Amino acid sequence: VAAPSLVLLGESWAGVLIGISVCVYVRGRPIGGAALGLLALFVRELSAPYCAACTVIAAYNRRWRELALWGIGACSYAVYYGLHLAHVWAAQVPADAIRERTWLTAGGLPFLLTTVRWAGWPFVLPDAALAVTLVLIVAGVANPRAPVHVRASSAAYMTFFLLAGQPFNHYWGLMAAPTCVSPEASRWQARSGA
């Protein structure tokens, strides 16, 4: 987030909020984790895959208070986004450019790899490091000792990036970076027995 070119990107801040949310979940505070996840959603709608993964985890674990918070947050966000859309549509004029392509482009593995580049070290490493990084992320998802929120959000974002995003949206990788390339959370959980 401190890099001058990234300070103004909502994806950077939402990604940081997601990372902190995961840390709060790992510390056993699901209400705090949910609140931070919802804050990330209000910063950038691309936080939705993380929020959906957390909601499923809350439902599976029958944490009703957390699930209620996710439900209230989702409804509040729907109202917020609806107001945003109403303002955007009211400001449109016939001369505005309209995208001919949808965001659901199924860019597949090539797009996923370009988002992985934004996960920190892969940005400065050679292209071959992208494949190694992706293999490590997949291994983290498959690791049963990794925190469930890390695994679920990494899997959700990998699936999302395989299906959605135009070629110029590679910076979306900032959203998933805090959870996809954070082995320290897995080590902490293994040491603490969480």
C-alpha atoms as a PDB file:
ATOM      1  CA  VAL A   1       0.000   0.000   0.000  1.00  0.00           C
ATOM      2  CA  ALA A   2       2.907   2.350   0.660  1.00  0.00           C
ATOM      3  CA  ALA A   3       4.160   2.188  -2.940  1.00  0.00           C
ATOM      4  CA  PRO A   4       3.389   5.618  -4.448  1.00  0.00           C
ATOM      5  CA  SER A   5       1.523   4.177  -7.421  1.00  0.00           C
ATOM      6  CA  LEU A   6      -0.658   1.925  -5.229  1.00  0.00           C
ATOM      7  CA  VAL A   7      -1.686   4.323  -2.468  1.00  0.00           C
ATOM      8  CA  LEU A   8      -4.692   5.575  -4.405  1.00  0.00           C
ATOM      9  CA  LEU A   9      -5.975   2.179  -5.555  1.00  0.00           C
ATOM     10  CA  GLY A  10      -9.028   0.899  -3.717  1.00  0.00           C
ATOM     11  CA  GLU A  11      -7.821  -2.636  -4.415  1.00  0.00           C
ATOM     12  CA  SER A  12      -4.754  -2.052  -2.251  1.00  0.00           C
ATOM     13  CA  TRP A  13      -6.777  -0.886   0.724  1.00  0.00           C
ATOM     14  CA  ALA A  14      -9.471  -3.531   0.337  1.00  0.00           C
ATOM     15  CA  GLY A  15      -6.738  -6.181   0.089  1.00  0.00           C
ATOM     16  CA  VAL A  16      -5.153  -4.912   3.300  1.00  0.00           C
ATOM     17  CA  LEU A  17      -8.536  -5.003   5.052  1.00  0.00           C
ATOM     18  CA  ILE A  18      -9.028  -8.572   3.838  1.00  0.00           C
ATOM     19  CA  GLY A  19      -5.577  -9.500   5.146  1.00  0.00           C
ATOM     20  CA  ILE A  20      -6.331  -7.978   8.549  1.00  0.00           C
ATOM     21  CA  SER A  21      -9.734  -9.678   8.563  1.00  0.00           C
ATOM     22  CA  VAL A  22      -8.056 -13.055   8.018  1.00  0.00           C
ATOM     23  CA  CYS A  23      -5.648 -12.334  10.871  1.00  0.00           C
ATOM     24  CA  VAL A  24      -8.553 -11.445  13.162  1.00  0.00           C
ATOM     25  CA  TYR A  25     -10.329 -14.675  12.165  1.00  0.00           C
ATOM     26  CA  VAL A  26      -7.162 -16.676  12.886  1.00  0.00           C
ATOM     27  CA  ARG A  27      -7.080 -15.056  16.340  1.00  0.00           C
ATOM     28  CA  GLY A  28     -10.595 -16.463  16.967  1.00  0.00           C
ATOM     29  CA  ARG A  29     -12.606 -13.254  16.642  1.00  0.00           C
ATOM     30  CA  PRO A  30     -15.208 -13.947  13.925  1.00  0.00           C
ATOM     31  CA  ILE A  31     -17.317 -10.815  14.506  1.00  0.00           C
ATOM     32  CA  GLY A  32     -14.261  -8.592  14.100  1.00  0.00           C
ATOM     33  CA  GLY A  33     -13.184 -10.565  11.034  1.00  0.00           C
ATOM     34  CA  ALA A  34     -16.639 -10.170   9.490  1.00  0.00           C
ATOM     35  CA  ALA A  35     -16.728  -6.431  10.257  1.00  0.00           C
ATOM     36  CA  LEU A  36     -13.364  -5.915   8.544  1.00  0.00           C
ATOM     37  CA  GLY A  37     -14.463  -8.041   5.598  1.00  0.00           C
ATOM     38  CA  LEU A  38     -17.576  -5.912   5.210  1.00  0.00           C
ATOM     39  CA  LEU A  39     -15.495  -2.755   5.404  1.00  0.00           C
ATOM     40  CA  ALA A  40     -13.363  -4.152   2.563  1.00  0.00           C
ATOM     41  CA  LEU A  41     -16.565  -4.732   0.571  1.00  0.00           C
ATOM     42  CA  PHE A  42     -17.582  -1.102   0.981  1.00  0.00           C
ATOM     43  CA  VAL A  43     -14.104  -0.029  -0.166  1.00  0.00           C
ATOM     44  CA  ARG A  44     -14.182  -2.242  -3.281  1.00  0.00           C
ATOM     45  CA  GLU A  45     -16.871  -4.598  -4.542  1.00  0.00           C
ATOM     46  CA  LEU A  46     -14.159  -7.027  -5.612  1.00  0.00           C
ATOM     47  CA  SER A  47     -14.084  -8.073  -1.952  1.00  0.00           C
ATOM     48  CA  ALA A  48     -17.284 -10.036  -2.636  1.00  0.00           C
ATOM     49  CA  PRO A  49     -15.533 -13.406  -3.231  1.00  0.00           C
ATOM     50  CA  TYR A  50     -13.880 -13.116   0.192  1.00  0.00           C
ATOM     51  CA  CYS A  51     -17.145 -12.078   1.826  1.00  0.00           C
ATOM     52  CA  ALA A  52     -19.006 -14.958   0.176  1.00  0.00           C
ATOM     53  CA  ALA A  53     -16.365 -17.449   1.343  1.00  0.00           C
ATOM     54  CA  CYS A  54     -16.567 -16.120   4.912  1.00  0.00           C
ATOM     55  CA  THR A  55     -20.363 -16.262   4.856  1.00  0.00           C
ATOM     56  CA  VAL A  56     -20.279 -19.922   3.796  1.00  0.00           C
ATOM     57  CA  ILE A  57     -17.758 -20.699   6.551  1.00  0.00           C
ATOM     58  CA  ALA A  58     -19.955 -18.938   9.137  1.00  0.00           C
ATOM     59  CA  ALA A  59     -23.022 -20.904   7.986  1.00  0.00           C
ATOM     60  CA  TYR A  60     -21.117 -24.199   7.968  1.00  0.00           C
ATOM     61  CA  ASN A  61     -19.872 -23.563  11.526  1.00  0.00           C
ATOM     62  CA  ARG A  62     -23.317 -22.362  12.645  1.00  0.00           C
ATOM     63  CA  ARG A  63     -22.018 -19.058  13.941  1.00  0.00           C
ATOM     64  CA  TRP A  64     -25.399 -17.306  13.809  1.00  0.00           C
ATOM     65  CA  ARG A  65     -24.302 -13.900  15.092  1.00  0.00           C
ATOM     66  CA  GLU A  66     -21.571 -13.718  12.477  1.00  0.00           C
ATOM     67  CA  LEU A  67     -23.967 -14.955   9.793  1.00  0.00           C
ATOM     68  CA  ALA A  68     -26.471 -12.263  10.814  1.00  0.00           C
ATOM     69  CA  LEU A  69     -23.726  -9.638  10.520  1.00  0.00           C
ATOM     70  CA  TRP A  70     -22.873 -10.881   7.013  1.00  0.00           C
ATOM     71  CA  GLY A  71     -26.565 -10.749   6.082  1.00  0.00           C
ATOM     72  CA  ILE A  72     -27.061  -7.214   7.426  1.00  0.00           C
ATOM     73  CA  GLY A  73     -23.841  -6.128   5.732  1.00  0.00           C
ATOM     74  CA  ALA A  74     -24.870  -7.657   2.396  1.00  0.00           C
ATOM     75  CA  CYS A  75     -28.260  -5.917   2.530  1.00  0.00           C
ATOM     76  CA  SER A  76     -26.623  -2.616   3.475  1.00  0.00           C
ATOM     77  CA  TYR A  77     -24.143  -2.985   0.643  1.00  0.00           C
ATOM     78  CA  ALA A  78     -26.969  -3.738  -1.821  1.00  0.00           C
ATOM     79  CA  VAL A  79     -28.634  -0.448  -0.847  1.00  0.00           C
ATOM     80  CA  TYR A  80     -25.307   1.410  -1.045  1.00  0.00           C
ATOM     81  CA  TYR A  81     -24.467  -0.046  -4.456  1.00  0.00           C
ATOM     82  CA  GLY A  82     -28.008   0.605  -5.690  1.00  0.00           C
ATOM     83  CA  LEU A  83     -27.640   4.281  -4.789  1.00  0.00           C
ATOM     84  CA  HIS A  84     -24.265   4.324  -6.529  1.00  0.00           C
ATOM     85  CA  LEU A  85     -25.793   2.850  -9.692  1.00  0.00           C
ATOM     86  CA  ALA A  86     -28.652   5.335  -9.615  1.00  0.00           C
ATOM     87  CA  HIS A  87     -26.174   8.220  -9.473  1.00  0.00           C
ATOM     88  CA  VAL A  88     -24.046   6.755 -12.265  1.00  0.00           C
ATOM     89  CA  TRP A  89     -27.043   6.199 -14.532  1.00  0.00           C
ATOM     90  CA  ALA A  90     -28.303   9.727 -13.832  1.00  0.00           C
ATOM     91  CA  ALA A  91     -24.919  11.164 -14.839  1.00  0.00           C
ATOM     92  CA  GLN A  92     -24.654   9.214 -18.108  1.00  0.00           C
ATOM     93  CA  VAL A  93     -25.063  11.012 -21.397  1.00  0.00           C
ATOM     94  CA  PRO A  94     -25.572   9.427 -24.830  1.00  0.00           C
ATOM     95  CA  ALA A  95     -21.972  10.226 -25.845  1.00  0.00           C
ATOM     96  CA  ASP A  96     -20.492   8.121 -23.010  1.00  0.00           C
ATOM     97  CA  ALA A  97     -18.489   5.114 -24.151  1.00  0.00           C
ATOM     98  CA  ILE A  98     -20.107   1.775 -23.498  1.00  0.00           C
ATOM     99  CA  ARG A  99     -18.010  -1.349 -23.109  1.00  0.00           C
ATOM    100  CA  GLU A 100     -18.760  -3.959 -25.702  1.00  0.00           C
ATOM    101  CA  ARG A 101     -17.239  -6.772 -23.638  1.00  0.00           C
ATOM    102  CA  THR A 102     -18.557  -8.195 -20.425  1.00  0.00           C
ATOM    103  CA  TRP A 103     -16.441  -8.585 -17.304  1.00  0.00           C
ATOM    104  CA  LEU A 104     -17.118 -12.327 -17.410  1.00  0.00           C
ATOM    105  CA  THR A 105     -14.514 -13.140 -20.044  1.00  0.00           C
ATOM    106  CA  ALA A 106     -13.207 -16.514 -18.830  1.00  0.00           C
ATOM    107  CA  GLY A 107      -9.620 -15.352 -19.257  1.00  0.00           C
ATOM    108  CA  GLY A 108      -8.523 -18.598 -17.643  1.00  0.00           C
ATOM    109  CA  LEU A 109      -4.998 -19.401 -16.575  1.00  0.00           C
ATOM    110  CA  PRO A 110      -3.315 -16.524 -18.474  1.00  0.00           C
ATOM    111  CA  PHE A 111      -5.414 -13.929 -16.624  1.00  0.00           C
ATOM    112  CA  LEU A 112      -4.980 -15.752 -13.303  1.00  0.00           C
ATOM    113  CA  LEU A 113      -1.207 -15.657 -13.757  1.00  0.00           C
ATOM    114  CA  THR A 114      -1.250 -11.902 -14.472  1.00  0.00           C
ATOM    115  CA  THR A 115      -3.154 -11.327 -11.217  1.00  0.00           C
ATOM    116  CA  VAL A 116      -0.685 -13.529  -9.322  1.00  0.00           C
ATOM    117  CA  ARG A 117       2.090 -11.180 -10.461  1.00  0.00           C
ATOM    118  CA  TRP A 118       0.549  -8.481  -8.215  1.00  0.00           C
ATOM    119  CA  ALA A 119       0.987 -10.647  -5.112  1.00  0.00           C
ATOM    120  CA  GLY A 120       4.242  -9.016  -4.015  1.00  0.00           C
ATOM    121  CA  TRP A 121       7.521 -10.726  -4.870  1.00  0.00           C
ATOM    122  CA  PRO A 122       6.278 -12.182  -8.172  1.00  0.00           C
ATOM    123  CA  PHE A 123       6.046  -8.595  -9.443  1.00  0.00           C
ATOM    124  CA  VAL A 124       9.846  -8.290  -9.539  1.00  0.00           C
ATOM    125  CA  LEU A 125      10.694 -11.914 -10.324  1.00  0.00           C
ATOM    126  CA  PRO A 126      10.956 -13.496 -13.788  1.00  0.00           C
ATOM    127  CA  ASP A 127       7.861 -14.926 -15.467  1.00  0.00           C
ATOM    128  CA  ALA A 128       8.815 -18.472 -14.479  1.00  0.00           C
ATOM    129  CA  ALA A 129       8.258 -17.488 -10.838  1.00  0.00           C
ATOM    130  CA  LEU A 130       4.559 -16.961 -11.585  1.00  0.00           C
ATOM    131  CA  ALA A 131       4.036 -20.667 -12.170  1.00  0.00           C
ATOM    132  CA  VAL A 132       5.908 -21.528  -8.964  1.00  0.00           C
ATOM    133  CA  THR A 133       3.867 -18.947  -7.031  1.00  0.00           C
ATOM    134  CA  LEU A 134       0.604 -20.361  -8.392  1.00  0.00           C
ATOM    135  CA  VAL A 135       1.648 -23.890  -7.423  1.00  0.00           C
ATOM    136  CA  LEU A 136       2.419 -22.658  -3.896  1.00  0.00           C
ATOM    137  CA  ILE A 137      -0.987 -20.950  -3.673  1.00  0.00           C
ATOM    138  CA  VAL A 138      -2.735 -24.146  -4.797  1.00  0.00           C
ATOM    139  CA  ALA A 139      -0.692 -26.121  -2.267  1.00  0.00           C
ATOM    140  CA  GLY A 140      -1.781 -23.655   0.423  1.00  0.00           C
ATOM    141  CA  VAL A 141      -5.431 -24.160  -0.515  1.00  0.00           C
ATOM    142  CA  ALA A 142      -4.948 -27.929  -0.298  1.00  0.00           C
ATOM    143  CA  ASN A 143      -3.120 -27.740   3.064  1.00  0.00           C
ATOM    144  CA  PRO A 144      -5.592 -28.804   5.769  1.00  0.00           C
ATOM    145  CA  ARG A 145      -3.458 -27.082   8.444  1.00  0.00           C
ATOM    146  CA  ALA A 146      -3.782 -23.672   6.791  1.00  0.00           C
ATOM    147  CA  PRO A 147      -6.425 -21.363   8.272  1.00  0.00           C
ATOM    148  CA  VAL A 148      -9.790 -22.043   6.690  1.00  0.00           C
ATOM    149  CA  HIS A 149     -10.292 -18.371   5.774  1.00  0.00           C
ATOM    150  CA  VAL A 150      -6.948 -18.301   3.939  1.00  0.00           C
ATOM    151  CA  ARG A 151      -7.801 -21.472   2.053  1.00  0.00           C
ATOM    152  CA  ALA A 152     -11.356 -20.438   1.193  1.00  0.00           C
ATOM    153  CA  SER A 153     -10.499 -16.913   0.086  1.00  0.00           C
ATOM    154  CA  SER A 154      -7.540 -18.087  -2.017  1.00  0.00           C
ATOM    155  CA  ALA A 155      -9.761 -20.675  -3.715  1.00  0.00           C
ATOM    156  CA  ALA A 156     -12.543 -18.123  -4.221  1.00  0.00           C
ATOM    157  CA  TYR A 157     -10.222 -15.583  -5.819  1.00  0.00           C
ATOM    158  CA  MET A 158      -8.517 -18.169  -8.027  1.00  0.00           C
ATOM    159  CA  THR A 159     -11.927 -19.267  -9.309  1.00  0.00           C
ATOM    160  CA  PHE A 160     -13.070 -15.664  -9.729  1.00  0.00           C
ATOM    161  CA  PHE A 161      -9.941 -14.692 -11.676  1.00  0.00           C
ATOM    162  CA  LEU A 162     -10.316 -17.694 -13.966  1.00  0.00           C
ATOM    163  CA  LEU A 163     -13.783 -16.462 -14.929  1.00  0.00           C
ATOM    164  CA  ALA A 164     -13.893 -12.683 -14.559  1.00  0.00           C
ATOM    165  CA  GLY A 165     -11.769  -9.732 -15.564  1.00  0.00           C
ATOM    166  CA  GLN A 166     -10.636  -8.117 -18.747  1.00  0.00           C
ATOM    167  CA  PRO A 167      -6.950  -8.233 -19.728  1.00  0.00           C
ATOM    168  CA  PHE A 168      -6.286  -4.776 -18.269  1.00  0.00           C
ATOM    169  CA  ASN A 169      -7.673  -5.788 -14.840  1.00  0.00           C
ATOM    170  CA  HIS A 170      -4.494  -7.609 -13.773  1.00  0.00           C
ATOM    171  CA  TYR A 171      -4.140  -5.261 -10.777  1.00  0.00           C
ATOM    172  CA  TRP A 172      -7.124  -7.064  -9.228  1.00  0.00           C
ATOM    173  CA  GLY A 173      -4.487  -9.412  -7.843  1.00  0.00           C
ATOM    174  CA  LEU A 174      -3.970  -6.827  -5.096  1.00  0.00           C
ATOM    175  CA  MET A 175      -7.280  -8.003  -3.620  1.00  0.00           C
ATOM    176  CA  ALA A 176      -6.141 -11.562  -3.054  1.00  0.00           C
ATOM    177  CA  ALA A 177      -2.464 -10.980  -2.349  1.00  0.00           C
ATOM    178  CA  PRO A 178      -2.731 -10.716   1.460  1.00  0.00           C
ATOM    179  CA  THR A 179      -4.340 -14.139   1.765  1.00  0.00           C
ATOM    180  CA  CYS A 180      -2.852 -16.013  -1.186  1.00  0.00           C
ATOM    181  CA  VAL A 181       0.802 -15.432  -0.395  1.00  0.00           C
ATOM    182  CA  SER A 182       0.795 -15.295   3.370  1.00  0.00           C
ATOM    183  CA  PRO A 183       2.345 -18.516   4.669  1.00  0.00           C
ATOM    184  CA  GLU A 184       2.950 -16.884   8.072  1.00  0.00           C
ATOM    185  CA  ALA A 185      -0.735 -17.242   8.960  1.00  0.00           C
ATOM    186  CA  SER A 186      -0.481 -20.979   8.320  1.00  0.00           C
ATOM    187  CA  ARG A 187       2.651 -21.252  10.471  1.00  0.00           C
ATOM    188  CA  TRP A 188       1.022 -19.279  13.283  1.00  0.00           C
ATOM    189  CA  GLN A 189      -2.018 -21.519  13.270  1.00  0.00           C
ATOM    190  CA  ALA A 190       0.096 -24.667  13.272  1.00  0.00           C
ATOM    191  CA  ARG A 191       2.187 -23.394  16.231  1.00  0.00           C
ATOM    192  CA  SER A 192      -0.770 -22.153  18.265  1.00  0.00           C
ATOM    193  CA  GLY A 193      -3.009 -25.136  17.625  1.00  0.00           C
ATOM    194  CA  ALA A 194      -5.780 -22.764  16.457  1.00  0.00           C
END
